[in-house]
C-alpha cells in the first residue's frame, strides 16, 4: 500500500542518478518505487515529519522487496526533499 511518502519511478530514471535539491539519488535499475522515510528524531516525535533533516530513501522492486537504501542526514528537510521529488517524479496518493 502506497502512502504520501511513496513515489513511482518512471522507466527513464531507473538505473540513473538524479539530483533533487543538491542531493544525488542513485536509483537502482530494478527499482520501481521509492519511499521517503523521515528517520525518528525530535521533530518526528513532535509530529513534524516534514521538518526532519534525516531521511532514508528506500528503493523497492515491483513485488515490494527492498532493492537498496540511502540515508541522508542534515542535508535537506523532508519537506524540501518531497517537493523536489514531486518536480521530478509523479507522486502516488
C-alpha atoms as a PDB file:
ATOM      1  CA  UNK A   1       0.000   0.000   0.000  1.00  0.00           C
ATOM      2  CA  UNK A   2       1.406   3.356  -1.036  1.00  0.00           C
ATOM      3  CA  UNK A   3       1.266   6.416   1.194  1.00  0.00           C
ATOM      4  CA  UNK A   4       2.086  10.109   0.849  1.00  0.00           C
ATOM      5  CA  UNK A   5       5.812   9.399   1.066  1.00  0.00           C
ATOM      6  CA  UNK A   6       5.814   6.906  -1.853  1.00  0.00           C
ATOM      7  CA  UNK A   7       6.720   7.606  -5.464  1.00  0.00           C
ATOM      8  CA  UNK A   8       6.645   5.565  -8.667  1.00  0.00           C
ATOM      9  CA  UNK A   9       9.924   5.739 -10.548  1.00  0.00           C
ATOM     10  CA  UNK A  10       9.439   6.336 -14.295  1.00  0.00           C
ATOM     11  CA  UNK A  11      11.427   3.969 -16.524  1.00  0.00           C
ATOM     12  CA  UNK A  12      13.694   6.758 -17.800  1.00  0.00           C
ATOM     13  CA  UNK A  13      15.073   7.325 -14.266  1.00  0.00           C
ATOM     14  CA  UNK A  14      15.764   3.678 -13.364  1.00  0.00           C
ATOM     15  CA  UNK A  15      19.492   2.994 -13.212  1.00  0.00           C
ATOM     16  CA  UNK A  16      20.205   6.739 -13.252  1.00  0.00           C
ATOM     17  CA  UNK A  17      21.453   9.380 -10.862  1.00  0.00           C
ATOM     18  CA  UNK A  18      19.074  12.268 -10.281  1.00  0.00           C
ATOM     19  CA  UNK A  19      19.675  15.462  -8.359  1.00  0.00           C
ATOM     20  CA  UNK A  20      16.961  16.717  -6.020  1.00  0.00           C
ATOM     21  CA  UNK A  21      17.744  19.960  -4.181  1.00  0.00           C
ATOM     22  CA  UNK A  22      21.503  19.212  -4.418  1.00  0.00           C
ATOM     23  CA  UNK A  23      21.035  15.657  -3.097  1.00  0.00           C
ATOM     24  CA  UNK A  24      22.197  12.967  -5.532  1.00  0.00           C
ATOM     25  CA  UNK A  25      19.952   9.898  -5.610  1.00  0.00           C
ATOM     26  CA  UNK A  26      21.377   6.718  -7.157  1.00  0.00           C
ATOM     27  CA  UNK A  27      18.300   4.903  -8.444  1.00  0.00           C
ATOM     28  CA  UNK A  28      18.877   1.166  -8.947  1.00  0.00           C
ATOM     29  CA  UNK A  29      17.855  -0.206 -12.351  1.00  0.00           C
ATOM     30  CA  UNK A  30      15.435  -2.684 -10.745  1.00  0.00           C
ATOM     31  CA  UNK A  31      13.718  -0.084  -8.529  1.00  0.00           C
ATOM     32  CA  UNK A  32      10.103   0.670  -9.434  1.00  0.00           C
ATOM     33  CA  UNK A  33       9.188   2.665  -6.305  1.00  0.00           C
ATOM     34  CA  UNK A  34      10.867   4.763  -3.674  1.00  0.00           C
ATOM     35  CA  UNK A  35       9.733   5.677  -0.194  1.00  0.00           C
ATOM     36  CA  UNK A  36      10.939   8.646   1.835  1.00  0.00           C
ATOM     37  CA  UNK A  37      11.200   7.593   5.468  1.00  0.00           C
ATOM     38  CA  UNK A  38      11.750  10.527   7.854  1.00  0.00           C
ATOM     39  CA  UNK A  39      14.021   8.985  10.468  1.00  0.00           C
ATOM     40  CA  UNK A  40      12.939   9.295  14.060  1.00  0.00           C
ATOM     41  CA  UNK A  41      14.275  12.372  15.753  1.00  0.00           C
ATOM     42  CA  UNK A  42      12.900  15.175  17.899  1.00  0.00           C
ATOM     43  CA  UNK A  43      10.925  16.749  15.051  1.00  0.00           C
ATOM     44  CA  UNK A  44       9.226  13.480  14.150  1.00  0.00           C
ATOM     45  CA  UNK A  45       8.370  12.782  17.778  1.00  0.00           C
ATOM     46  CA  UNK A  46       6.702  16.192  17.885  1.00  0.00           C
ATOM     47  CA  UNK A  47       4.643  15.302  14.793  1.00  0.00           C
ATOM     48  CA  UNK A  48       6.528  17.484  12.321  1.00  0.00           C
ATOM     49  CA  UNK A  49       7.933  14.886   9.921  1.00  0.00           C
ATOM     50  CA  UNK A  50       8.222  17.416   7.105  1.00  0.00           C
ATOM     51  CA  UNK A  51      10.802  19.377   9.128  1.00  0.00           C
ATOM     52  CA  UNK A  52      13.044  16.392   9.852  1.00  0.00           C
ATOM     53  CA  UNK A  53      16.530  16.707   8.357  1.00  0.00           C
ATOM     54  CA  UNK A  54      17.239  12.974   8.472  1.00  0.00           C
ATOM     55  CA  UNK A  55      15.706  10.691   5.882  1.00  0.00           C
ATOM     56  CA  UNK A  56      16.108   7.254   4.439  1.00  0.00           C
ATOM     57  CA  UNK A  57      15.226   6.608   0.808  1.00  0.00           C
ATOM     58  CA  UNK A  58      14.067   3.024   0.329  1.00  0.00           C
ATOM     59  CA  UNK A  59      14.029   1.695  -3.238  1.00  0.00           C
ATOM     60  CA  UNK A  60      11.633  -1.193  -3.933  1.00  0.00           C
ATOM     61  CA  UNK A  61      11.128  -3.657  -6.759  1.00  0.00           C
ATOM     62  CA  UNK A  62       7.726  -4.321  -8.343  1.00  0.00           C
ATOM     63  CA  UNK A  63       6.946  -7.032  -5.776  1.00  0.00           C
ATOM     64  CA  UNK A  64       7.746  -4.663  -2.883  1.00  0.00           C
ATOM     65  CA  UNK A  65      11.087  -6.168  -1.899  1.00  0.00           C
ATOM     66  CA  UNK A  66      13.778  -3.697  -0.871  1.00  0.00           C
ATOM     67  CA  UNK A  67      16.400  -3.193  -3.572  1.00  0.00           C
ATOM     68  CA  UNK A  68      18.523  -0.538  -1.860  1.00  0.00           C
ATOM     69  CA  UNK A  69      18.504   2.199   0.810  1.00  0.00           C
ATOM     70  CA  UNK A  70      20.222   5.568   1.089  1.00  0.00           C
ATOM     71  CA  UNK A  71      20.430   7.666   4.260  1.00  0.00           C
ATOM     72  CA  UNK A  72      20.680  11.456   4.292  1.00  0.00           C
ATOM     73  CA  UNK A  73      21.348  13.435   7.435  1.00  0.00           C
ATOM     74  CA  UNK A  74      21.340  17.206   7.973  1.00  0.00           C
ATOM     75  CA  UNK A  75      21.373  17.932   4.245  1.00  0.00           C
ATOM     76  CA  UNK A  76      17.733  18.649   3.418  1.00  0.00           C
ATOM     77  CA  UNK A  77      14.411  18.782   5.201  1.00  0.00           C
ATOM     78  CA  UNK A  78      11.854  16.125   4.359  1.00  0.00           C
ATOM     79  CA  UNK A  79       9.519  18.854   3.124  1.00  0.00           C
ATOM     80  CA  UNK A  80      12.127  20.162   0.644  1.00  0.00           C
ATOM     81  CA  UNK A  81      13.009  16.625  -0.435  1.00  0.00           C
ATOM     82  CA  UNK A  82       9.350  15.786  -1.082  1.00  0.00           C
ATOM     83  CA  UNK A  83       8.767  18.968  -3.131  1.00  0.00           C
ATOM     84  CA  UNK A  84      11.927  18.252  -5.119  1.00  0.00           C
ATOM     85  CA  UNK A  85      10.879  14.682  -5.824  1.00  0.00           C
ATOM     86  CA  UNK A  86       7.415  15.866  -6.914  1.00  0.00           C
ATOM     87  CA  UNK A  87       9.080  18.020  -9.572  1.00  0.00           C
ATOM     88  CA  UNK A  88      10.936  15.011 -10.981  1.00  0.00           C
ATOM     89  CA  UNK A  89       8.679  12.032 -10.189  1.00  0.00           C
ATOM     90  CA  UNK A  90       4.923  11.550 -10.049  1.00  0.00           C
ATOM     91  CA  UNK A  91       3.524  11.135  -6.535  1.00  0.00           C
ATOM     92  CA  UNK A  92       1.064   8.331  -5.784  1.00  0.00           C
ATOM     93  CA  UNK A  93      -1.654   9.419  -3.404  1.00  0.00           C
END
